[in-house]
Amino acid sequence: MTIAAMFPFFKDTVFEDGIDAAFRSTRSHEAYLFRGDKYALVDYDSKNLIAIRNITDGFPSLLGTVFASEIDAAFASHREDEAYLFKGELYALINFAPGTTDDHIVGGNIKHILTNWPSLRSILPLKNKGLDTHDHHGHGQDHDPDQHDEF
């Protein structure tokens, strides 16, 4: 099932063909979905679109960072109103306030993943010097999932 089939309001938007990253909000039934430099806030229970905006309009602390143009992966922290964002070899822990633009990068800095999470070294692709940034878009059934691009 495509995301546009699940959420028809994504038809004719950048989200129609998929998402890059997402994390659950601390507000009940809400999630942030990211694609390129946009994010959508959705109520996944009622299947209503709350907003589609530029990432930096909803998360002004990301202005001027690598996360302003795209987020590769994300997940909500176990702490209230915090989420981890990833792009390439970098990550940020953000504190967000649902319903506002009062967010900040916890600790004030974007960090290198492997420097701060050394336990991930053994599970990241061994041939790569960093993270696997292989573009999986458009691969058919003949695609070898063990084949990775090198940096």
N, C-alpha and C. Protein backbone atom coordinates (compact mmCIF):
# COMPACT_ATOMS: atom_id res chain seq x y z
N MET A 1 0.85 -1.18 0.00
CA MET A 1 0.00 0.00 0.00
C MET A 1 0.89 1.24 0.00
N THR A 2 0.58 2.19 -0.87
CA THR A 2 1.34 3.43 -0.92
C THR A 2 0.88 4.37 0.20
N ILE A 3 1.74 5.33 0.51
CA ILE A 3 1.37 6.29 1.55
C ILE A 3 0.18 7.13 1.10
N ALA A 4 0.10 7.43 -0.22
CA ALA A 4 -1.04 8.21 -0.72
C ALA A 4 -2.34 7.40 -0.63
N ALA A 5 -2.26 6.08 -0.73
CA ALA A 5 -3.46 5.25 -0.57
C ALA A 5 -3.90 5.23 0.90
N MET A 6 -2.92 5.22 1.80
CA MET A 6 -3.23 5.21 3.23
C MET A 6 -3.73 6.58 3.70
N PHE A 7 -3.09 7.63 3.17
CA PHE A 7 -3.44 9.00 3.53
C PHE A 7 -3.71 9.77 2.23
N PRO A 8 -4.94 9.75 1.73
CA PRO A 8 -5.25 10.38 0.44
C PRO A 8 -4.88 11.86 0.36
N PHE A 9 -4.79 12.54 1.50
CA PHE A 9 -4.44 13.96 1.47
C PHE A 9 -3.01 14.19 0.98
N PHE A 10 -2.19 13.13 0.88
CA PHE A 10 -0.83 13.28 0.35
C PHE A 10 -0.78 13.26 -1.18
N LYS A 11 -1.89 12.98 -1.83
CA LYS A 11 -1.91 12.98 -3.30
C LYS A 11 -1.53 14.38 -3.79
N ASP A 12 -0.66 14.40 -4.80
CA ASP A 12 -0.16 15.64 -5.40
C ASP A 12 0.70 16.47 -4.45
N THR A 13 1.33 15.83 -3.47
CA THR A 13 2.30 16.51 -2.60
C THR A 13 3.63 15.77 -2.70
N VAL A 14 4.67 16.30 -2.11
CA VAL A 14 5.98 15.63 -2.12
C VAL A 14 5.94 14.29 -1.40
N PHE A 15 4.91 14.06 -0.60
CA PHE A 15 4.79 12.83 0.17
C PHE A 15 4.08 11.71 -0.60
N GLU A 16 3.57 12.02 -1.76
CA GLU A 16 2.76 11.05 -2.51
C GLU A 16 3.51 9.74 -2.76
N ASP A 17 4.80 9.81 -3.02
CA ASP A 17 5.58 8.60 -3.36
C ASP A 17 6.37 8.03 -2.19
N GLY A 18 6.25 8.61 -1.02
CA GLY A 18 6.95 8.05 0.13
C GLY A 18 7.45 9.11 1.09
N ILE A 19 8.12 8.63 2.13
CA ILE A 19 8.69 9.52 3.14
C ILE A 19 10.15 9.15 3.34
N ASP A 20 10.92 10.09 3.86
CA ASP A 20 12.33 9.85 4.18
C ASP A 20 12.50 9.41 5.64
N ALA A 21 11.71 10.00 6.53
CA ALA A 21 11.85 9.74 7.96
C ALA A 21 10.55 10.11 8.66
N ALA A 22 10.41 9.64 9.89
CA ALA A 22 9.21 9.97 10.67
C ALA A 22 9.48 9.72 12.15
N PHE A 23 8.75 10.43 12.99
CA PHE A 23 8.75 10.10 14.42
C PHE A 23 7.39 10.47 15.00
N ARG A 24 7.03 9.75 16.04
CA ARG A 24 5.75 9.97 16.72
C ARG A 24 5.85 11.16 17.65
N SER A 25 4.82 11.96 17.63
CA SER A 25 4.72 13.10 18.54
C SER A 25 4.31 12.60 19.92
N THR A 26 4.47 13.44 20.91
CA THR A 26 3.98 13.10 22.24
C THR A 26 2.50 13.44 22.37
N ARG A 27 1.94 14.11 21.37
CA ARG A 27 0.50 14.31 21.32
C ARG A 27 -0.13 13.03 20.78
N SER A 28 -1.22 12.65 21.36
CA SER A 28 -1.87 11.40 21.00
C SER A 28 -2.21 11.34 19.52
N HIS A 29 -1.80 10.26 18.87
CA HIS A 29 -2.13 9.94 17.48
C HIS A 29 -1.52 10.90 16.45
N GLU A 30 -0.48 11.64 16.81
CA GLU A 30 0.17 12.54 15.86
C GLU A 30 1.57 12.05 15.54
N ALA A 31 1.97 12.30 14.29
CA ALA A 31 3.31 11.92 13.85
C ALA A 31 3.84 12.98 12.89
N TYR A 32 5.16 13.15 12.91
CA TYR A 32 5.86 14.03 11.99
C TYR A 32 6.48 13.15 10.90
N LEU A 33 6.20 13.47 9.64
CA LEU A 33 6.75 12.74 8.51
C LEU A 33 7.58 13.71 7.68
N PHE A 34 8.73 13.25 7.19
CA PHE A 34 9.66 14.12 6.48
C PHE A 34 9.92 13.60 5.07
N ARG A 35 10.03 14.55 4.14
CA ARG A 35 10.40 14.23 2.76
C ARG A 35 11.08 15.47 2.18
N GLY A 36 12.34 15.32 1.78
CA GLY A 36 13.10 16.47 1.29
C GLY A 36 13.15 17.55 2.36
N ASP A 37 12.85 18.79 1.97
CA ASP A 37 12.90 19.89 2.94
C ASP A 37 11.54 20.19 3.57
N LYS A 38 10.61 19.25 3.44
CA LYS A 38 9.26 19.43 3.99
C LYS A 38 8.98 18.45 5.13
N TYR A 39 8.03 18.81 5.96
CA TYR A 39 7.50 17.87 6.94
C TYR A 39 5.99 17.99 6.95
N ALA A 40 5.36 16.90 7.30
CA ALA A 40 3.90 16.89 7.46
C ALA A 40 3.61 16.44 8.89
N LEU A 41 2.67 17.07 9.50
CA LEU A 41 2.16 16.64 10.80
C LEU A 41 0.79 16.04 10.53
N VAL A 42 0.63 14.79 10.92
CA VAL A 42 -0.62 14.08 10.64
C VAL A 42 -1.20 13.49 11.92
N ASP A 43 -2.52 13.38 11.92
CA ASP A 43 -3.22 12.61 12.94
C ASP A 43 -3.50 11.27 12.28
N TYR A 44 -2.73 10.26 12.66
CA TYR A 44 -2.84 8.97 11.98
C TYR A 44 -4.06 8.16 12.42
N ASP A 45 -4.70 8.54 13.50
CA ASP A 45 -5.92 7.85 13.93
C ASP A 45 -7.12 8.31 13.09
N SER A 46 -7.30 9.61 13.01
CA SER A 46 -8.42 10.15 12.22
C SER A 46 -8.05 10.31 10.74
N LYS A 47 -6.76 10.08 10.43
CA LYS A 47 -6.23 10.22 9.06
C LYS A 47 -6.47 11.62 8.52
N ASN A 48 -6.15 12.62 9.37
CA ASN A 48 -6.25 14.02 8.98
C ASN A 48 -4.88 14.65 8.87
N LEU A 49 -4.72 15.48 7.86
CA LEU A 49 -3.50 16.27 7.70
C LEU A 49 -3.63 17.51 8.56
N ILE A 50 -2.65 17.74 9.41
CA ILE A 50 -2.66 18.93 10.25
C ILE A 50 -1.91 20.05 9.53
N ALA A 51 -0.76 19.73 8.94
CA ALA A 51 0.02 20.76 8.23
C ALA A 51 1.11 20.12 7.38
N ILE A 52 1.47 20.81 6.30
CA ILE A 52 2.70 20.53 5.55
C ILE A 52 3.46 21.84 5.51
N ARG A 53 4.70 21.78 5.95
CA ARG A 53 5.54 23.00 6.03
C ARG A 53 6.97 22.67 5.67
N ASN A 54 7.76 23.73 5.49
CA ASN A 54 9.20 23.57 5.39
C ASN A 54 9.72 23.13 6.75
N ILE A 55 10.73 22.28 6.74
CA ILE A 55 11.29 21.79 8.00
C ILE A 55 11.66 22.95 8.92
N THR A 56 12.31 23.97 8.38
CA THR A 56 12.79 25.07 9.22
C THR A 56 11.66 25.98 9.70
N ASP A 57 10.49 25.91 9.07
CA ASP A 57 9.35 26.69 9.59
C ASP A 57 8.78 26.06 10.86
N GLY A 58 8.80 24.74 10.92
CA GLY A 58 8.28 24.06 12.11
C GLY A 58 9.33 23.77 13.15
N PHE A 59 10.59 23.68 12.70
CA PHE A 59 11.71 23.39 13.58
C PHE A 59 12.81 24.42 13.32
N PRO A 60 12.62 25.66 13.79
CA PRO A 60 13.57 26.73 13.48
C PRO A 60 14.99 26.48 13.98
N SER A 61 15.15 25.61 14.97
CA SER A 61 16.51 25.32 15.45
C SER A 61 17.34 24.59 14.40
N LEU A 62 16.68 24.05 13.36
CA LEU A 62 17.39 23.32 12.30
C LEU A 62 17.84 24.22 11.16
N LEU A 63 17.45 25.50 11.19
CA LEU A 63 17.86 26.46 10.17
C LEU A 63 19.38 26.55 10.14
N GLY A 64 19.96 26.44 8.95
CA GLY A 64 21.42 26.51 8.80
C GLY A 64 22.14 25.22 9.13
N THR A 65 21.41 24.14 9.36
CA THR A 65 22.03 22.84 9.64
C THR A 65 21.80 21.90 8.46
N VAL A 66 22.45 20.74 8.48
CA VAL A 66 22.25 19.74 7.43
C VAL A 66 20.82 19.22 7.40
N PHE A 67 20.10 19.37 8.49
CA PHE A 67 18.73 18.86 8.59
C PHE A 67 17.70 19.79 7.95
N ALA A 68 18.09 20.99 7.54
CA ALA A 68 17.16 21.93 6.92
C ALA A 68 16.68 21.45 5.56
N SER A 69 17.51 20.68 4.86
CA SER A 69 17.18 20.26 3.50
C SER A 69 16.67 18.83 3.41
N GLU A 70 16.93 18.02 4.44
CA GLU A 70 16.48 16.62 4.40
C GLU A 70 16.87 15.92 5.69
N ILE A 71 16.05 14.96 6.08
CA ILE A 71 16.34 14.11 7.23
C ILE A 71 16.27 12.67 6.75
N ASP A 72 17.35 11.92 6.97
CA ASP A 72 17.43 10.54 6.48
C ASP A 72 16.64 9.56 7.34
N ALA A 73 16.66 9.77 8.65
CA ALA A 73 15.99 8.85 9.58
C ALA A 73 15.69 9.62 10.86
N ALA A 74 14.73 9.12 11.62
CA ALA A 74 14.35 9.78 12.88
C ALA A 74 13.63 8.78 13.76
N PHE A 75 13.69 9.03 15.05
CA PHE A 75 12.85 8.28 15.98
C PHE A 75 12.64 9.09 17.24
N ALA A 76 11.50 8.89 17.87
CA ALA A 76 11.19 9.59 19.11
C ALA A 76 12.00 9.00 20.25
N SER A 77 12.49 9.84 21.11
CA SER A 77 13.21 9.41 22.29
C SER A 77 12.22 8.88 23.32
N HIS A 78 12.74 8.18 24.31
CA HIS A 78 11.88 7.76 25.41
C HIS A 78 11.57 8.93 26.34
N ARG A 79 12.30 10.04 26.18
CA ARG A 79 12.04 11.24 26.97
C ARG A 79 10.95 12.08 26.30
N GLU A 80 10.14 12.72 27.09
CA GLU A 80 9.04 13.56 26.60
C GLU A 80 9.55 14.65 25.66
N ASP A 81 8.92 14.78 24.50
CA ASP A 81 9.17 15.85 23.54
C ASP A 81 10.61 15.88 23.01
N GLU A 82 11.24 14.73 22.88
CA GLU A 82 12.57 14.66 22.28
C GLU A 82 12.59 13.63 21.16
N ALA A 83 13.37 13.93 20.13
CA ALA A 83 13.50 13.03 18.99
C ALA A 83 14.92 13.10 18.46
N TYR A 84 15.39 11.98 17.91
CA TYR A 84 16.70 11.91 17.26
C TYR A 84 16.50 12.04 15.76
N LEU A 85 17.32 12.89 15.13
CA LEU A 85 17.31 13.08 13.69
C LEU A 85 18.67 12.66 13.15
N PHE A 86 18.68 12.03 11.98
CA PHE A 86 19.92 11.54 11.38
C PHE A 86 20.02 11.99 9.94
N LYS A 87 21.24 12.35 9.53
CA LYS A 87 21.53 12.63 8.13
C LYS A 87 22.99 12.31 7.90
N GLY A 88 23.24 11.39 6.97
CA GLY A 88 24.62 10.98 6.70
C GLY A 88 25.27 10.45 7.96
N GLU A 89 26.40 11.01 8.32
CA GLU A 89 27.14 10.57 9.51
C GLU A 89 26.82 11.38 10.75
N LEU A 90 25.81 12.25 10.66
CA LEU A 90 25.49 13.17 11.74
C LEU A 90 24.13 12.88 12.36
N TYR A 91 23.98 13.32 13.61
CA TYR A 91 22.68 13.22 14.27
C TYR A 91 22.50 14.41 15.21
N ALA A 92 21.26 14.66 15.55
CA ALA A 92 20.94 15.69 16.54
C ALA A 92 19.80 15.16 17.40
N LEU A 93 19.85 15.49 18.66
CA LEU A 93 18.74 15.24 19.57
C LEU A 93 18.03 16.58 19.71
N ILE A 94 16.76 16.60 19.33
CA ILE A 94 16.01 17.85 19.44
C ILE A 94 14.94 17.73 20.51
N ASN A 95 14.65 18.86 21.12
CA ASN A 95 13.53 18.97 22.03
C ASN A 95 12.49 19.77 21.26
N PHE A 96 11.31 19.22 21.08
CA PHE A 96 10.26 19.89 20.33
C PHE A 96 9.04 20.06 21.23
N ALA A 97 8.27 21.07 20.95
CA ALA A 97 7.06 21.34 21.72
C ALA A 97 5.88 21.27 20.76
N PRO A 98 5.15 20.17 20.77
CA PRO A 98 4.03 20.02 19.84
C PRO A 98 3.09 21.23 19.87
N GLY A 99 2.71 21.69 18.68
CA GLY A 99 1.81 22.83 18.57
C GLY A 99 2.51 24.17 18.60
N THR A 100 3.85 24.15 18.72
CA THR A 100 4.61 25.41 18.74
C THR A 100 5.83 25.25 17.83
N THR A 101 6.60 26.32 17.71
CA THR A 101 7.90 26.26 17.04
C THR A 101 9.01 26.52 18.06
N ASP A 102 8.74 26.18 19.29
CA ASP A 102 9.68 26.37 20.39
C ASP A 102 10.52 25.10 20.56
N ASP A 103 11.46 24.91 19.64
CA ASP A 103 12.31 23.72 19.68
C ASP A 103 13.76 24.13 19.87
N HIS A 104 14.59 23.18 20.24
CA HIS A 104 16.03 23.44 20.32
C HIS A 104 16.79 22.13 20.19
N ILE A 105 18.04 22.26 19.77
CA ILE A 105 18.93 21.11 19.69
C ILE A 105 19.50 20.90 21.09
N VAL A 106 19.24 19.75 21.66
CA VAL A 106 19.70 19.45 23.02
C VAL A 106 21.23 19.46 23.02
N GLY A 107 21.80 20.20 23.92
CA GLY A 107 23.25 20.34 23.99
C GLY A 107 23.79 21.36 23.00
N GLY A 108 22.92 21.86 22.11
CA GLY A 108 23.31 22.91 21.18
C GLY A 108 24.12 22.48 19.97
N ASN A 109 24.49 21.19 19.88
CA ASN A 109 25.38 20.76 18.79
C ASN A 109 24.84 19.56 18.03
N ILE A 110 25.15 19.55 16.74
CA ILE A 110 24.96 18.37 15.91
C ILE A 110 26.21 17.53 16.10
N LYS A 111 26.05 16.22 16.18
CA LYS A 111 27.18 15.35 16.53
C LYS A 111 27.38 14.25 15.50
N HIS A 112 28.59 13.66 15.53
CA HIS A 112 28.89 12.50 14.68
C HIS A 112 28.36 11.24 15.35
N ILE A 113 27.69 10.43 14.57
CA ILE A 113 27.05 9.23 15.11
C ILE A 113 28.08 8.29 15.75
N LEU A 114 29.11 7.92 15.00
CA LEU A 114 30.04 6.91 15.50
C LEU A 114 30.88 7.41 16.68
N THR A 115 31.15 8.69 16.74
CA THR A 115 31.90 9.24 17.87
C THR A 115 31.10 9.10 19.16
N ASN A 116 29.81 9.31 19.07
CA ASN A 116 28.98 9.34 20.26
C ASN A 116 28.22 8.05 20.53
N TRP A 117 28.12 7.17 19.53
CA TRP A 117 27.48 5.88 19.69
C TRP A 117 28.43 4.80 19.18
N PRO A 118 29.57 4.60 19.82
CA PRO A 118 30.57 3.66 19.31
C PRO A 118 30.05 2.22 19.22
N SER A 119 29.02 1.89 19.96
CA SER A 119 28.49 0.52 19.88
C SER A 119 27.88 0.22 18.51
N LEU A 120 27.62 1.24 17.71
CA LEU A 120 27.06 1.02 16.37
C LEU A 120 28.11 0.62 15.34
N ARG A 121 29.39 0.78 15.67
CA ARG A 121 30.45 0.45 14.72
C ARG A 121 30.35 -0.99 14.20
N SER A 122 29.99 -1.91 15.04
CA SER A 122 29.97 -3.32 14.63
C SER A 122 28.75 -3.66 13.77
N ILE A 123 27.74 -2.81 13.72
CA ILE A 123 26.56 -3.15 12.92
C ILE A 123 26.42 -2.31 11.65
N LEU A 124 27.22 -1.27 11.54
CA LEU A 124 27.18 -0.48 10.31
C LEU A 124 27.89 -1.26 9.21
N PRO A 125 27.57 -1.02 7.95
CA PRO A 125 28.22 -1.75 6.86
C PRO A 125 29.74 -1.69 6.99
N LEU A 126 30.36 -2.87 6.96
CA LEU A 126 31.80 -2.95 7.20
C LEU A 126 32.64 -2.36 6.09
N LYS A 127 32.16 -2.36 4.83
CA LYS A 127 32.94 -1.82 3.73
C LYS A 127 32.89 -0.30 3.69
N ASN A 128 31.91 0.30 4.33
CA ASN A 128 31.77 1.75 4.30
C ASN A 128 32.58 2.38 5.41
N LYS A 129 33.04 3.60 5.16
CA LYS A 129 33.77 4.36 6.17
C LYS A 129 32.81 5.06 7.11
N GLY A 130 31.56 5.09 6.77
CA GLY A 130 30.54 5.76 7.58
C GLY A 130 29.23 5.03 7.44
N LEU A 131 28.19 5.76 7.27
CA LEU A 131 26.87 5.17 7.16
C LEU A 131 26.57 4.77 5.73
N ASP A 132 25.71 3.80 5.58
CA ASP A 132 25.25 3.37 4.27
C ASP A 132 24.28 4.41 3.74
N THR A 133 24.68 5.14 2.71
CA THR A 133 23.80 6.16 2.14
C THR A 133 23.29 5.72 0.78
N HIS A 134 23.20 4.42 0.58
CA HIS A 134 22.72 3.85 -0.67
C HIS A 134 21.30 4.31 -0.95
N ASP A 135 21.05 4.75 -2.18
CA ASP A 135 19.73 5.17 -2.58
C ASP A 135 18.92 3.94 -2.97
N HIS A 136 17.94 3.58 -2.18
CA HIS A 136 17.13 2.39 -2.43
C HIS A 136 15.91 2.68 -3.28
N HIS A 137 15.73 3.94 -3.70
CA HIS A 137 14.57 4.30 -4.51
C HIS A 137 14.69 3.70 -5.91
N GLY A 138 13.62 3.14 -6.40
CA GLY A 138 13.56 2.69 -7.78
C GLY A 138 14.18 1.33 -8.04
N HIS A 139 14.60 0.60 -7.03
CA HIS A 139 15.17 -0.73 -7.26
C HIS A 139 14.07 -1.76 -7.41
N GLY A 140 14.22 -2.60 -8.41
CA GLY A 140 13.23 -3.64 -8.64
C GLY A 140 13.59 -4.91 -7.91
N GLN A 141 13.00 -6.01 -8.35
CA GLN A 141 13.21 -7.29 -7.70
C GLN A 141 14.64 -7.80 -7.89
N ASP A 142 15.35 -7.31 -8.92
CA ASP A 142 16.71 -7.78 -9.19
C ASP A 142 17.74 -7.13 -8.27
N HIS A 143 17.33 -6.20 -7.44
CA HIS A 143 18.28 -5.49 -6.58
C HIS A 143 18.85 -6.42 -5.52
N ASP A 144 20.16 -6.37 -5.36
CA ASP A 144 20.85 -7.16 -4.34
C ASP A 144 20.91 -6.33 -3.06
N PRO A 145 20.17 -6.70 -2.00
CA PRO A 145 20.14 -5.89 -0.78
C PRO A 145 21.47 -5.86 -0.05
N ASP A 146 22.41 -6.74 -0.38
CA ASP A 146 23.71 -6.74 0.28
C ASP A 146 24.72 -5.86 -0.44
N GLN A 147 24.34 -5.27 -1.56
CA GLN A 147 25.24 -4.41 -2.30
C GLN A 147 25.11 -3.00 -1.77
N HIS A 148 26.23 -2.38 -1.38
CA HIS A 148 26.21 -1.04 -0.82
C HIS A 148 27.15 -0.13 -1.60
N ASP A 149 26.82 1.14 -1.66
CA ASP A 149 27.71 2.12 -2.26
C ASP A 149 28.80 2.46 -1.27
N GLU A 150 29.95 2.78 -1.77
CA GLU A 150 31.07 3.21 -0.93
C GLU A 150 31.10 4.73 -0.89
N PHE A 151 31.61 5.30 0.18
CA PHE A 151 31.80 6.75 0.25
C PHE A 151 32.94 7.13 -0.64
